[in-house]
Amino acid sequence: MDVIQLQRKMQEHQTALIREGFLDDQFKQLQKLQDESSPDFVIEVVTMYFDDSENLLKGMARTLEQAPVDFKQVDAYVHQYKGSSASVGAARVKSVCIAFRNFCEAQNLEG
């Protein structure tokens, strides 16, 4: 498979992710920041996002396992995760974070 075919497949996959609501236009904006002087910009930003996501999710899990649950701390993790998700265009994750913050506000552990 040549480079042009790979680029076309990548574009088709990205279009599908946007159409299905996993990504939004912010991801396209992120791509526009990549140029010849920083050819790996998107990869670097998304890699940092995944690393940060892992740490935030671990922090949330630890906090949710403590009794009593510190909902303010959980909400702080979720708020940070929502912001970083929005900045990379992870639309569906951002939406889940919004719902999660509502559960934190209601101190609904089951939610």
N, C-alpha and C. Protein backbone atom coordinates (compact mmCIF):
# COMPACT_ATOMS: atom_id res chain seq x y z
N MET A 1 0.86 -1.18 0.00
CA MET A 1 0.00 0.00 0.00
C MET A 1 0.90 1.24 0.00
N ASP A 2 0.64 2.13 -0.91
CA ASP A 2 1.49 3.32 -0.99
C ASP A 2 1.00 4.42 -0.04
N VAL A 3 1.78 5.47 0.05
CA VAL A 3 1.52 6.56 0.99
C VAL A 3 0.17 7.22 0.71
N ILE A 4 -0.15 7.43 -0.54
CA ILE A 4 -1.41 8.09 -0.90
C ILE A 4 -2.60 7.25 -0.44
N GLN A 5 -2.52 5.94 -0.61
CA GLN A 5 -3.60 5.07 -0.16
C GLN A 5 -3.72 5.10 1.37
N LEU A 6 -2.60 5.09 2.06
CA LEU A 6 -2.63 5.17 3.52
C LEU A 6 -3.23 6.49 4.00
N GLN A 7 -2.86 7.58 3.34
CA GLN A 7 -3.41 8.88 3.72
C GLN A 7 -4.91 8.92 3.47
N ARG A 8 -5.36 8.33 2.38
CA ARG A 8 -6.78 8.28 2.07
C ARG A 8 -7.53 7.46 3.11
N LYS A 9 -6.98 6.31 3.49
CA LYS A 9 -7.61 5.48 4.52
C LYS A 9 -7.67 6.21 5.85
N MET A 10 -6.60 6.92 6.19
CA MET A 10 -6.59 7.67 7.43
C MET A 10 -7.67 8.76 7.40
N GLN A 11 -7.80 9.45 6.29
CA GLN A 11 -8.81 10.49 6.16
C GLN A 11 -10.22 9.90 6.26
N GLU A 12 -10.44 8.75 5.65
CA GLU A 12 -11.74 8.09 5.72
C GLU A 12 -12.06 7.69 7.16
N HIS A 13 -11.05 7.19 7.86
CA HIS A 13 -11.25 6.78 9.25
C HIS A 13 -11.57 8.01 10.12
N GLN A 14 -10.84 9.08 9.91
CA GLN A 14 -11.09 10.31 10.67
C GLN A 14 -12.50 10.84 10.39
N THR A 15 -12.92 10.82 9.14
CA THR A 15 -14.25 11.28 8.78
C THR A 15 -15.32 10.43 9.48
N ALA A 16 -15.09 9.13 9.54
CA ALA A 16 -16.03 8.24 10.23
C ALA A 16 -16.08 8.55 11.72
N LEU A 17 -14.93 8.81 12.33
CA LEU A 17 -14.90 9.13 13.76
C LEU A 17 -15.64 10.43 14.05
N ILE A 18 -15.53 11.40 13.15
CA ILE A 18 -16.27 12.66 13.32
C ILE A 18 -17.76 12.42 13.12
N ARG A 19 -18.11 11.69 12.08
CA ARG A 19 -19.52 11.40 11.79
C ARG A 19 -20.18 10.65 12.95
N GLU A 20 -19.44 9.75 13.60
CA GLU A 20 -19.99 8.95 14.69
C GLU A 20 -19.90 9.66 16.04
N GLY A 21 -19.34 10.86 16.07
CA GLY A 21 -19.33 11.65 17.29
C GLY A 21 -18.17 11.40 18.22
N PHE A 22 -17.20 10.61 17.80
CA PHE A 22 -16.03 10.37 18.65
C PHE A 22 -15.10 11.59 18.65
N LEU A 23 -14.96 12.22 17.52
CA LEU A 23 -14.14 13.42 17.37
C LEU A 23 -15.02 14.58 16.93
N ASP A 24 -14.51 15.81 17.15
CA ASP A 24 -15.22 16.98 16.64
C ASP A 24 -14.24 17.86 15.86
N ASP A 25 -14.70 19.04 15.49
CA ASP A 25 -13.88 19.94 14.67
C ASP A 25 -12.60 20.39 15.37
N GLN A 26 -12.56 20.31 16.69
CA GLN A 26 -11.34 20.70 17.40
C GLN A 26 -10.16 19.83 16.97
N PHE A 27 -10.42 18.57 16.65
CA PHE A 27 -9.34 17.70 16.18
C PHE A 27 -8.79 18.22 14.86
N LYS A 28 -9.67 18.70 14.00
CA LYS A 28 -9.21 19.28 12.72
C LYS A 28 -8.36 20.53 12.98
N GLN A 29 -8.77 21.33 13.95
CA GLN A 29 -7.99 22.52 14.30
C GLN A 29 -6.61 22.14 14.81
N LEU A 30 -6.56 21.08 15.58
CA LEU A 30 -5.28 20.57 16.08
C LEU A 30 -4.38 20.17 14.91
N GLN A 31 -4.95 19.52 13.94
CA GLN A 31 -4.18 19.11 12.76
C GLN A 31 -3.63 20.30 11.99
N LYS A 32 -4.37 21.39 11.97
CA LYS A 32 -3.92 22.59 11.25
C LYS A 32 -2.69 23.21 11.89
N LEU A 33 -2.46 22.92 13.17
CA LEU A 33 -1.29 23.45 13.85
C LEU A 33 -0.01 22.69 13.48
N GLN A 34 -0.19 21.54 12.88
CA GLN A 34 0.97 20.74 12.47
C GLN A 34 1.50 21.27 11.14
N ASP A 35 2.82 21.44 11.05
CA ASP A 35 3.43 21.90 9.80
C ASP A 35 4.80 21.25 9.65
N GLU A 36 5.54 21.72 8.69
CA GLU A 36 6.86 21.13 8.41
C GLU A 36 7.82 21.28 9.59
N SER A 37 7.67 22.35 10.35
CA SER A 37 8.57 22.55 11.49
C SER A 37 8.20 21.65 12.67
N SER A 38 6.99 21.13 12.70
CA SER A 38 6.57 20.21 13.77
C SER A 38 5.70 19.10 13.16
N PRO A 39 6.34 18.21 12.38
CA PRO A 39 5.57 17.19 11.65
C PRO A 39 4.90 16.15 12.55
N ASP A 40 5.33 16.01 13.79
CA ASP A 40 4.75 15.03 14.70
C ASP A 40 3.87 15.67 15.77
N PHE A 41 3.46 16.91 15.53
CA PHE A 41 2.71 17.66 16.53
C PHE A 41 1.47 16.91 17.03
N VAL A 42 0.64 16.44 16.11
CA VAL A 42 -0.61 15.78 16.50
C VAL A 42 -0.32 14.50 17.28
N ILE A 43 0.64 13.73 16.80
CA ILE A 43 1.00 12.50 17.51
C ILE A 43 1.47 12.81 18.92
N GLU A 44 2.28 13.83 19.06
CA GLU A 44 2.79 14.19 20.39
C GLU A 44 1.67 14.65 21.31
N VAL A 45 0.77 15.48 20.80
CA VAL A 45 -0.34 15.98 21.63
C VAL A 45 -1.28 14.85 22.03
N VAL A 46 -1.61 13.99 21.08
CA VAL A 46 -2.53 12.89 21.38
C VAL A 46 -1.87 11.89 22.34
N THR A 47 -0.58 11.65 22.18
CA THR A 47 0.14 10.77 23.11
C THR A 47 0.11 11.34 24.52
N MET A 48 0.36 12.65 24.66
CA MET A 48 0.27 13.28 25.97
C MET A 48 -1.15 13.16 26.54
N TYR A 49 -2.15 13.33 25.68
CA TYR A 49 -3.55 13.21 26.11
C TYR A 49 -3.81 11.81 26.67
N PHE A 50 -3.34 10.78 25.96
CA PHE A 50 -3.56 9.41 26.45
C PHE A 50 -2.82 9.15 27.75
N ASP A 51 -1.61 9.65 27.86
CA ASP A 51 -0.85 9.49 29.12
C ASP A 51 -1.56 10.19 30.27
N ASP A 52 -1.99 11.42 30.04
CA ASP A 52 -2.71 12.17 31.07
C ASP A 52 -4.04 11.49 31.41
N SER A 53 -4.71 10.96 30.38
CA SER A 53 -5.98 10.27 30.60
C SER A 53 -5.80 9.09 31.53
N GLU A 54 -4.75 8.33 31.29
CA GLU A 54 -4.48 7.17 32.13
C GLU A 54 -4.29 7.60 33.59
N ASN A 55 -3.52 8.64 33.80
CA ASN A 55 -3.29 9.12 35.17
C ASN A 55 -4.57 9.65 35.81
N LEU A 56 -5.36 10.40 35.05
CA LEU A 56 -6.61 10.92 35.60
C LEU A 56 -7.59 9.80 35.94
N LEU A 57 -7.70 8.82 35.07
CA LEU A 57 -8.61 7.70 35.33
C LEU A 57 -8.17 6.89 36.55
N LYS A 58 -6.87 6.70 36.70
CA LYS A 58 -6.37 6.01 37.90
C LYS A 58 -6.68 6.82 39.15
N GLY A 59 -6.50 8.12 39.08
CA GLY A 59 -6.81 8.98 40.22
C GLY A 59 -8.29 8.94 40.57
N MET A 60 -9.14 8.99 39.56
CA MET A 60 -10.59 8.89 39.80
C MET A 60 -10.92 7.56 40.45
N ALA A 61 -10.37 6.49 39.93
CA ALA A 61 -10.67 5.15 40.47
C ALA A 61 -10.24 5.05 41.93
N ARG A 62 -9.04 5.54 42.23
CA ARG A 62 -8.56 5.50 43.63
C ARG A 62 -9.49 6.29 44.54
N THR A 63 -9.89 7.47 44.09
CA THR A 63 -10.74 8.33 44.91
C THR A 63 -12.12 7.71 45.10
N LEU A 64 -12.65 7.08 44.06
CA LEU A 64 -13.97 6.45 44.16
C LEU A 64 -13.96 5.22 45.06
N GLU A 65 -12.80 4.61 45.26
CA GLU A 65 -12.69 3.43 46.11
C GLU A 65 -12.61 3.78 47.60
N GLN A 66 -12.33 5.04 47.90
CA GLN A 66 -12.20 5.46 49.30
C GLN A 66 -13.58 5.72 49.90
N ALA A 67 -13.67 5.43 51.18
CA ALA A 67 -14.93 5.71 51.87
C ALA A 67 -14.63 6.71 52.99
N PRO A 68 -15.36 7.76 53.09
CA PRO A 68 -16.37 8.23 52.14
C PRO A 68 -15.72 8.82 50.89
N VAL A 69 -16.46 8.78 49.82
CA VAL A 69 -15.94 9.30 48.54
C VAL A 69 -15.86 10.82 48.60
N ASP A 70 -14.73 11.33 48.19
CA ASP A 70 -14.53 12.78 48.10
C ASP A 70 -14.98 13.22 46.70
N PHE A 71 -16.27 13.55 46.59
CA PHE A 71 -16.84 13.89 45.29
C PHE A 71 -16.21 15.15 44.70
N LYS A 72 -15.74 16.05 45.53
CA LYS A 72 -15.08 17.25 45.00
C LYS A 72 -13.79 16.89 44.30
N GLN A 73 -13.05 15.93 44.85
CA GLN A 73 -11.81 15.49 44.22
C GLN A 73 -12.10 14.74 42.92
N VAL A 74 -13.12 13.88 42.94
CA VAL A 74 -13.51 13.16 41.72
C VAL A 74 -13.90 14.18 40.66
N ASP A 75 -14.69 15.17 41.05
CA ASP A 75 -15.12 16.21 40.12
C ASP A 75 -13.93 16.98 39.55
N ALA A 76 -12.92 17.22 40.37
CA ALA A 76 -11.72 17.92 39.89
C ALA A 76 -11.02 17.10 38.81
N TYR A 77 -10.91 15.79 39.03
CA TYR A 77 -10.32 14.92 38.01
C TYR A 77 -11.15 14.96 36.72
N VAL A 78 -12.47 14.84 36.88
CA VAL A 78 -13.36 14.81 35.71
C VAL A 78 -13.32 16.14 34.97
N HIS A 79 -13.27 17.23 35.71
CA HIS A 79 -13.19 18.56 35.10
C HIS A 79 -11.92 18.69 34.25
N GLN A 80 -10.81 18.22 34.80
CA GLN A 80 -9.54 18.27 34.06
C GLN A 80 -9.61 17.37 32.82
N TYR A 81 -10.20 16.20 32.97
CA TYR A 81 -10.33 15.26 31.85
C TYR A 81 -11.23 15.84 30.76
N LYS A 82 -12.29 16.50 31.17
CA LYS A 82 -13.19 17.13 30.19
C LYS A 82 -12.45 18.20 29.40
N GLY A 83 -11.67 19.01 30.09
CA GLY A 83 -10.93 20.07 29.41
C GLY A 83 -9.89 19.54 28.44
N SER A 84 -9.15 18.54 28.87
CA SER A 84 -8.13 18.00 27.95
C SER A 84 -8.78 17.27 26.79
N SER A 85 -9.91 16.62 27.03
CA SER A 85 -10.64 15.94 25.94
C SER A 85 -11.16 16.96 24.93
N ALA A 86 -11.68 18.06 25.43
CA ALA A 86 -12.16 19.12 24.53
C ALA A 86 -11.03 19.69 23.70
N SER A 87 -9.85 19.82 24.30
CA SER A 87 -8.74 20.45 23.58
C SER A 87 -8.19 19.59 22.44
N VAL A 88 -8.39 18.26 22.52
CA VAL A 88 -7.93 17.41 21.42
C VAL A 88 -9.07 16.98 20.50
N GLY A 89 -10.28 17.38 20.83
CA GLY A 89 -11.42 17.05 19.97
C GLY A 89 -12.06 15.71 20.28
N ALA A 90 -11.83 15.18 21.47
CA ALA A 90 -12.43 13.90 21.87
C ALA A 90 -13.85 14.16 22.37
N ALA A 91 -14.75 14.35 21.42
CA ALA A 91 -16.10 14.81 21.71
C ALA A 91 -16.88 13.86 22.60
N ARG A 92 -16.81 12.59 22.33
CA ARG A 92 -17.61 11.65 23.12
C ARG A 92 -17.10 11.56 24.55
N VAL A 93 -15.80 11.60 24.75
CA VAL A 93 -15.25 11.59 26.11
C VAL A 93 -15.69 12.85 26.84
N LYS A 94 -15.64 13.98 26.16
CA LYS A 94 -16.07 15.24 26.77
C LYS A 94 -17.53 15.15 27.21
N SER A 95 -18.38 14.56 26.39
CA SER A 95 -19.80 14.43 26.73
C SER A 95 -20.00 13.53 27.94
N VAL A 96 -19.25 12.44 28.01
CA VAL A 96 -19.36 11.55 29.16
C VAL A 96 -18.90 12.27 30.42
N CYS A 97 -17.87 13.09 30.31
CA CYS A 97 -17.39 13.85 31.47
C CYS A 97 -18.45 14.81 31.99
N ILE A 98 -19.19 15.41 31.09
CA ILE A 98 -20.26 16.32 31.51
C ILE A 98 -21.30 15.56 32.34
N ALA A 99 -21.70 14.39 31.86
CA ALA A 99 -22.67 13.58 32.62
C ALA A 99 -22.06 13.13 33.94
N PHE A 100 -20.80 12.76 33.92
CA PHE A 100 -20.12 12.31 35.14
C PHE A 100 -20.08 13.43 36.17
N ARG A 101 -19.82 14.65 35.74
CA ARG A 101 -19.78 15.78 36.67
C ARG A 101 -21.14 16.00 37.32
N ASN A 102 -22.21 15.74 36.58
CA ASN A 102 -23.55 15.85 37.17
C ASN A 102 -23.73 14.83 38.29
N PHE A 103 -23.22 13.62 38.09
CA PHE A 103 -23.29 12.60 39.14
C PHE A 103 -22.46 13.02 40.35
N CYS A 104 -21.31 13.64 40.11
CA CYS A 104 -20.48 14.11 41.22
C CYS A 104 -21.22 15.19 42.02
N GLU A 105 -21.85 16.10 41.29
CA GLU A 105 -22.58 17.19 41.95
C GLU A 105 -23.71 16.62 42.82
N ALA A 106 -24.36 15.58 42.33
CA ALA A 106 -25.46 14.95 43.08
C ALA A 106 -24.94 13.94 44.10
N GLN A 107 -23.63 13.75 44.13
CA GLN A 107 -22.98 12.75 45.00
C GLN A 107 -23.61 11.39 44.82
N ASN A 108 -23.82 11.04 43.56
CA ASN A 108 -24.44 9.78 43.16
C ASN A 108 -23.34 8.79 42.81
N LEU A 109 -22.97 7.95 43.75
CA LEU A 109 -21.88 6.99 43.56
C LEU A 109 -22.24 5.96 42.49
N GLU A 110 -23.48 5.51 42.47
CA GLU A 110 -23.88 4.52 41.47
C GLU A 110 -23.77 5.10 40.05
N GLY A 111 -24.11 6.38 39.91
CA GLY A 111 -24.04 7.04 38.60
C GLY A 111 -22.61 7.07 38.11
